[in-house]
Protein backbone atom coordinates (compact mmCIF):
# COMPACT_ATOMS: atom_id res chain seq x y z
CA MET A 1 -0.15 -0.01 -0.06
CA ASN A 2 1.37 3.38 -0.84
CA CYS A 3 1.98 6.21 1.62
CA PRO A 4 -0.29 9.07 1.09
CA CYS A 5 2.13 11.61 2.25
CA GLU A 6 4.20 12.66 -0.71
CA ALA A 7 6.91 14.35 1.44
CA PHE A 8 8.72 11.22 1.56
CA GLY A 9 9.24 10.48 -2.02
CA ALA A 10 12.78 11.75 -1.87
CA LEU A 11 13.72 8.81 0.55
CA SER A 12 12.96 6.08 -2.50
CA PRO A 13 15.94 7.01 -4.45
CA VAL A 14 18.09 7.09 -1.43
CA ALA A 15 17.13 3.61 -0.63
CA ASN A 16 17.40 2.19 -4.18
CA TRP A 17 21.10 3.50 -4.16
CA VAL A 18 21.97 2.05 -0.74
CA ALA A 19 20.30 -1.28 -1.48
CA PHE A 20 21.45 -1.60 -5.05
CA ALA A 21 24.66 0.73 -5.49
CA VAL A 22 26.17 0.52 -2.07
CA PHE A 23 25.47 -3.12 -1.10
CA GLY A 24 25.44 -4.29 -4.79
CA LEU A 25 22.23 -6.27 -4.31
CA ASP A 26 20.09 -7.37 -7.05
CA PRO A 27 16.73 -5.57 -7.37
CA GLU A 28 14.96 -8.91 -7.89
CA SER A 29 16.46 -10.61 -5.09
CA HIS A 30 15.11 -11.20 -1.62
CA ALA A 31 17.87 -9.36 0.02
CA GLY A 32 17.69 -6.45 -2.39
CA ASN A 33 13.88 -5.88 -1.40
CA ALA A 34 14.44 -6.31 2.31
CA VAL A 35 17.37 -3.84 2.58
CA ARG A 36 15.51 -1.47 0.24
CA PHE A 37 12.36 -1.79 2.54
CA PHE A 38 14.44 -1.31 5.77
CA VAL A 39 16.39 1.97 4.51
CA PHE A 40 13.05 3.47 3.30
CA GLU A 41 11.22 2.76 6.13
CA VAL A 42 13.69 3.56 8.99
CA PRO A 43 13.71 7.43 8.61
CA ARG A 44 10.21 7.66 7.23
CA VAL A 45 8.80 6.00 10.37
CA LEU A 46 11.16 7.88 12.67
CA ILE A 47 10.31 11.34 11.28
CA LEU A 48 6.63 10.63 11.45
CA LEU A 49 6.95 9.55 14.99
CA THR A 50 8.85 12.63 16.01
CA CYS A 51 6.48 14.85 14.32
CA VAL A 52 3.43 13.01 15.67
CA VAL A 53 4.65 12.83 19.49
CA PHE A 54 5.51 16.60 19.36
CA VAL A 55 1.82 17.53 18.25
CA VAL A 56 0.24 14.84 20.50
CA GLY A 57 2.50 16.27 23.26
CA ILE A 58 0.88 19.74 23.00
CA LEU A 59 -2.60 18.22 22.63
CA ARG A 60 -1.83 16.00 25.90
CA SER A 61 -0.80 18.93 27.75
CA PHE A 62 -4.51 19.92 28.01
CA PHE A 63 -5.55 16.54 29.53
CA THR A 64 -4.19 14.55 32.72
CA PRO A 65 -5.54 11.49 34.33
CA ALA A 66 -6.59 13.54 37.24
CA ARG A 67 -8.77 15.87 35.03
CA ALA A 68 -10.18 12.63 33.55
CA ARG A 69 -11.05 10.98 36.57
CA ARG A 70 -12.91 13.82 37.78
CA LEU A 71 -14.89 14.14 34.74
CA LEU A 72 -15.94 10.52 34.93
CA ALA A 73 -16.80 10.43 38.68
CA GLY A 74 -20.58 9.97 39.18
CA LYS A 75 -21.16 9.27 35.49
CA ARG A 76 -23.83 6.74 34.59
CA GLU A 77 -22.69 3.73 32.95
CA SER A 78 -23.90 4.16 29.35
CA ALA A 79 -22.66 7.72 28.80
CA GLY A 80 -19.63 7.00 31.21
CA ASN A 81 -18.40 4.20 28.76
CA VAL A 82 -18.64 6.29 25.95
CA LEU A 83 -16.94 9.64 27.47
CA ALA A 84 -14.44 7.08 29.13
CA ALA A 85 -13.34 5.58 25.89
CA LEU A 86 -12.82 9.04 24.26
CA LEU A 87 -10.98 10.41 27.35
CA GLY A 88 -8.76 7.33 27.16
CA VAL A 89 -7.65 8.11 23.71
CA ALA A 90 -6.61 11.75 24.85
CA THR A 91 -5.03 10.90 28.02
CA PRO A 92 -1.36 9.89 28.69
CA PHE A 93 -1.37 6.37 29.58
CA CYS A 94 1.02 3.18 29.40
CA SER A 95 0.90 -0.48 30.80
CA CYS A 96 3.10 0.88 33.82
CA SER A 97 0.48 3.18 34.83
CA ALA A 98 -2.48 0.82 34.87
CA VAL A 99 -2.42 0.17 38.57
CA PRO A 100 -2.41 3.81 40.10
CA LEU A 101 -5.06 4.81 37.38
CA PHE A 102 -7.28 1.84 38.09
CA ILE A 103 -6.99 2.46 42.07
CA GLY A 104 -7.49 6.21 41.50
CA PHE A 105 -10.73 5.68 39.30
CA VAL A 106 -12.28 3.10 41.38
CA THR A 107 -11.75 4.86 44.73
CA ALA A 108 -12.99 8.18 43.21
CA GLY A 109 -16.38 6.52 42.69
CA VAL A 110 -15.88 5.81 38.83
CA PRO A 111 -18.04 2.62 37.95
CA LEU A 112 -16.05 -0.65 37.26
CA GLY A 113 -17.17 -0.77 33.67
CA VAL A 114 -16.43 2.81 32.87
CA THR A 115 -13.24 2.47 34.47
CA PHE A 116 -12.45 -0.60 32.18
CA SER A 117 -13.50 1.58 29.16
CA PHE A 118 -10.91 3.97 29.91
CA LEU A 119 -8.24 1.32 30.48
CA ILE A 120 -9.09 -0.56 27.27
CA ALA A 121 -9.24 2.65 24.94
CA ALA A 122 -5.98 4.56 26.34
CA PRO A 123 -3.46 1.40 24.83
CA LEU A 124 -5.88 0.31 22.29
CA VAL A 125 -6.63 3.42 20.33
CA ASN A 126 -3.28 4.73 20.47
CA GLU A 127 -3.02 8.33 18.75
CA VAL A 128 0.34 7.76 17.67
CA ALA A 129 -0.67 4.59 15.59
CA LEU A 130 -3.58 6.41 14.32
CA VAL A 131 -1.49 9.23 12.73
CA LEU A 132 1.00 6.74 11.45
CA LEU A 133 -1.59 4.62 9.75
CA PHE A 134 -3.18 7.73 8.25
CA ALA A 135 0.34 8.70 6.70
CA MET A 136 1.04 5.25 5.55
CA PHE A 137 -2.40 3.85 4.52
CA GLY A 138 -4.70 6.69 4.23
CA TRP A 139 -7.82 7.84 6.47
CA GLN A 140 -10.06 4.76 5.71
CA VAL A 141 -7.66 2.44 7.47
CA ALA A 142 -6.95 4.85 10.15
CA ALA A 143 -10.82 5.49 10.64
CA LEU A 144 -11.23 1.70 10.71
CA TYR A 145 -8.85 1.29 13.43
CA ALA A 146 -10.07 4.17 15.83
CA GLY A 147 -13.91 3.57 15.03
CA THR A 148 -13.55 -0.46 15.98
CA GLY A 149 -11.15 0.37 18.81
CA LEU A 150 -13.50 2.77 20.44
CA ALA A 151 -16.25 0.29 19.79
CA ILE A 152 -14.46 -2.43 21.62
CA ALA A 153 -13.76 -0.24 24.72
CA MET A 154 -17.32 1.01 24.95
CA ALA A 155 -18.83 -2.42 24.60
CA ALA A 156 -16.36 -4.37 26.92
CA GLY A 157 -16.69 -1.79 29.61
CA TRP A 158 -20.33 -1.86 29.35
CA ILE A 159 -20.56 -5.77 29.51
CA LEU A 160 -18.01 -5.80 32.38
CA GLY A 161 -20.24 -3.27 34.22
CA ARG A 162 -23.44 -5.42 33.72
CA LEU A 163 -21.69 -8.23 35.05
CA ARG A 164 -21.17 -6.70 38.34
CA LEU A 165 -17.80 -8.02 38.96
CA GLU A 166 -16.71 -5.57 41.85
CA LYS A 167 -16.56 -8.46 44.29
CA TRP A 168 -13.58 -9.87 41.91
CA VAL A 169 -11.44 -6.70 42.36
CA GLU A 170 -8.66 -7.41 45.02
CA PRO A 171 -9.97 -6.26 48.32
CA TRP A 172 -7.20 -4.07 49.37
CA VAL A 173 -8.08 -1.61 46.35
CA TYR A 174 -11.27 -0.34 47.81
CA ALA A 175 -9.56 0.43 51.28
CA THR A 176 -6.98 2.36 49.75
CA PRO A 177 -7.65 6.12 50.89
CA VAL A 178 -8.47 8.64 48.47
CA SER A 179 -5.79 11.25 47.98
CA GLY A 180 -6.64 14.77 47.11
CA THR A 181 -6.07 15.96 43.61
CA PRO A 182 -4.24 19.31 43.17
CA ALA A 183 -5.89 21.75 40.92
CA ASP A 184 -4.82 21.68 37.34
CA GLU A 185 -2.32 24.22 36.31
CA ARG A 186 -2.80 25.92 32.95
CA LEU A 187 0.43 25.83 30.92
CA THR A 188 1.42 28.90 28.85
CA TRP A 189 2.39 28.15 25.30
CA ARG A 190 6.00 27.98 26.08
CA ALA A 191 5.38 25.53 28.81
CA GLN A 192 3.43 23.37 26.22
CA VAL A 193 6.07 23.44 23.78
CA CYS A 194 8.55 22.34 26.32
CA TYR A 195 6.13 19.67 27.70
CA ALA A 196 5.89 18.32 23.84
CA ARG A 197 9.66 18.51 23.45
CA ALA A 198 10.20 16.58 26.62
CA ALA A 199 7.72 14.14 25.24
CA VAL A 200 9.65 13.51 22.27
CA ARG A 201 12.75 12.87 24.07
CA GLN A 202 10.90 10.38 26.38
CA ILE A 203 8.86 8.41 23.95
CA VAL A 204 11.19 8.48 20.82
CA GLY A 205 14.10 7.72 23.06
CA LYS A 206 12.48 5.05 24.60
CA VAL A 207 10.54 3.38 21.50
CA TRP A 208 12.93 3.92 18.75
CA LEU A 209 14.70 0.51 19.19
CA TYR A 210 11.18 -1.23 19.00
CA VAL A 211 10.49 0.91 15.85
CA VAL A 212 13.67 -0.31 14.12
CA LEU A 213 13.18 -3.75 15.21
CA GLY A 214 9.54 -3.77 13.79
CA ILE A 215 10.75 -2.61 10.65
CA ALA A 216 13.39 -5.26 10.43
CA LEU A 217 11.04 -7.73 10.94
CA GLY A 218 8.78 -6.08 8.24
CA ALA A 219 11.74 -5.98 6.00
CA GLY A 220 12.08 -9.77 6.48
CA ILE A 221 8.43 -10.48 5.76
CA HIS A 222 8.55 -8.04 2.89
CA GLY A 223 11.63 -9.76 1.24
CA TYR A 224 11.63 -13.22 2.14
CA MET A 225 8.04 -14.28 2.94
CA PRO A 226 6.40 -16.03 0.17
CA ALA A 227 2.99 -14.23 -0.67
CA ASP A 228 1.37 -17.33 -1.33
CA PHE A 229 2.04 -18.85 1.96
CA LEU A 230 1.16 -15.50 4.00
CA THR A 231 -2.23 -15.31 1.88
CA ALA A 232 -2.81 -18.80 2.90
CA CYS A 233 -2.37 -18.38 6.58
CA LEU A 234 -3.75 -14.93 7.24
CA GLY A 235 -5.92 -14.41 4.02
CA ARG A 236 -9.67 -13.80 4.34
CA SER A 237 -10.48 -17.14 3.01
CA ALA A 238 -8.80 -18.92 5.86
CA TRP A 239 -11.29 -18.98 8.82
CA TRP A 240 -8.30 -19.53 11.39
CA SER A 241 -6.47 -16.41 10.17
CA VAL A 242 -7.94 -14.04 12.71
CA PRO A 243 -7.68 -16.39 16.04
CA LEU A 244 -4.10 -17.00 14.84
CA ALA A 245 -3.43 -13.26 14.47
CA VAL A 246 -4.70 -12.61 17.96
CA LEU A 247 -2.78 -15.58 19.44
CA LEU A 248 0.33 -14.32 17.90
CA GLY A 249 -0.05 -10.77 18.69
CA VAL A 250 -0.66 -11.51 22.84
CA PRO A 251 2.90 -12.46 23.60
CA LEU A 252 4.53 -9.78 21.54
CA TYR A 253 5.43 -6.91 23.78
CA SER A 254 5.84 -3.74 21.58
CA ASN A 255 4.48 -0.31 20.74
CA ALA A 256 2.09 0.93 18.08
CA ALA A 257 4.93 2.72 16.22
CA GLY A 258 6.93 -0.73 16.02
CA VAL A 259 3.88 -2.70 14.81
CA VAL A 260 2.72 -0.45 11.87
CA PRO A 261 5.86 -1.20 9.69
CA VAL A 262 5.24 -5.15 10.48
CA MET A 263 1.37 -4.33 9.47
CA GLN A 264 2.47 -2.81 6.21
CA ALA A 265 4.48 -5.75 5.19
CA LEU A 266 1.81 -8.03 5.99
CA LEU A 267 -0.77 -6.21 3.80
CA ASP A 268 1.67 -5.91 1.09
CA LYS A 269 2.10 -9.74 1.05
CA GLY A 270 -1.71 -10.34 0.72
CA ALA A 271 -2.66 -10.65 4.38
CA ALA A 272 -6.37 -9.71 4.99
CA LEU A 273 -7.18 -6.22 6.58
CA GLY A 274 -9.27 -7.54 9.24
CA THR A 275 -6.60 -10.11 10.10
CA VAL A 276 -3.98 -7.55 10.13
CA LEU A 277 -6.10 -5.20 12.36
CA ALA A 278 -6.85 -7.92 14.75
CA PHE A 279 -3.01 -8.74 15.21
CA MET A 280 -2.35 -4.95 15.86
CA MET A 281 -4.90 -4.59 18.54
CA ALA A 282 -3.74 -7.76 20.42
CA VAL A 283 -0.34 -6.33 20.48
CA ILE A 284 -1.19 -3.16 21.91
CA GLY A 285 -4.26 -4.21 23.75
CA LEU A 286 -3.59 -7.66 25.13
CA SER A 287 -0.04 -7.41 25.97
CA LEU A 288 1.18 -9.94 28.71
CA PRO A 289 3.10 -7.27 30.52
CA GLU A 290 -0.16 -5.02 31.11
CA ALA A 291 -1.67 -8.45 32.25
CA ILE A 292 0.80 -8.99 34.85
CA ILE A 293 0.58 -5.53 36.00
CA LEU A 294 -3.32 -5.29 36.35
CA ARG A 295 -2.94 -8.85 38.29
CA LYS A 296 -1.94 -6.65 41.32
CA VAL A 297 -5.35 -5.10 41.51
CA LEU A 298 -7.50 -7.80 39.62
CA THR A 299 -8.42 -11.35 40.79
CA LEU A 300 -7.54 -13.95 38.27
CA ARG A 301 -11.09 -14.56 37.26
CA LEU A 302 -11.77 -10.74 36.71
CA LEU A 303 -8.26 -10.54 34.68
CA LEU A 304 -9.40 -13.49 32.62
CA ALA A 305 -12.99 -11.99 31.98
CA PHE A 306 -11.18 -8.58 30.97
CA PHE A 307 -8.91 -10.17 28.56
CA GLY A 308 -11.51 -12.53 27.24
CA ILE A 309 -14.18 -9.97 26.59
CA VAL A 310 -11.63 -7.54 24.70
CA ALA A 311 -10.27 -10.60 22.75
CA LEU A 312 -13.74 -11.55 21.57
CA GLY A 313 -14.11 -7.89 20.51
CA ILE A 314 -10.94 -7.97 18.52
CA LEU A 315 -12.00 -11.30 16.98
CA ILE A 316 -15.29 -9.78 16.02
CA VAL A 317 -13.81 -7.05 14.10
CA GLY A 318 -11.32 -9.21 12.33
CA TYR A 319 -14.00 -11.30 11.02
CA VAL A 320 -16.39 -8.49 10.12
CA PHE A 321 -14.01 -6.43 8.08
CA ASN A 322 -12.66 -9.48 6.50
CA ALA A 323 -16.28 -10.35 5.42
CA VAL A 324 -16.90 -6.75 4.21
CA LEU A 325 -13.91 -5.44 2.59
């Protein structure tokens, strides 16, 4: 699939020169295609990532988890699930902050189902992935990703809320005293720019290696993976392709920026869009590290229910889009 952003067109001759002139590889060979893909994608994705993180950093300076908690406290489940999912997309959140966020939301009176809608949407509908998908695949794929991710977060949170599983939360969570929330500080424009720069240093500095490894994996798939084999395993005609993609995605620990190049290579080789979306969502939204972290506040039964419902939603998304696209 071609990148809709023409600003990176100058990278193509550079990638050709490096792969075919510097390394002397045959343009028709597997190695030549793999190296060209890698040299082209590394600067493109890293430049996109830096720009996206800076802009997102500006936007995130308007939102804090404390502000989201106050907005959601006391909300009814139906409206709260929708609002929580939307706030989850805009609020800074990573797996390592899942426990304090969960405790803060629950002790502040946010319903359990609404809390889960927030916790699902925050990592699943990643704004960095959203912009990268738009830049690399177009608005249709980006809109599919955002819409289905929000739908999973809202529906899963509502279902978990209807099941009344509060008794499956670890008892010590409800005994945690509610700490006071300091008043939100309004940042000046200069402070917001500094916040965005710090976000670039922190996020890009932390994930660039995952991005390069993801591109390397994508390059291997692009250059060496037989298209017929991949189509047979992950094409829309194979009923097992979506469950297989989810199972493959869960044990992988990566970020959205690292998964997008792999997604591109899979689509170029003939994998179905629904299957690839399911793979990406499983990597981002059902990671084992997050499960281990959440086990501190959730009993095993609630953790399995949480992951099971989210996984079911991802499976439905994969099958539906494979059927209609």
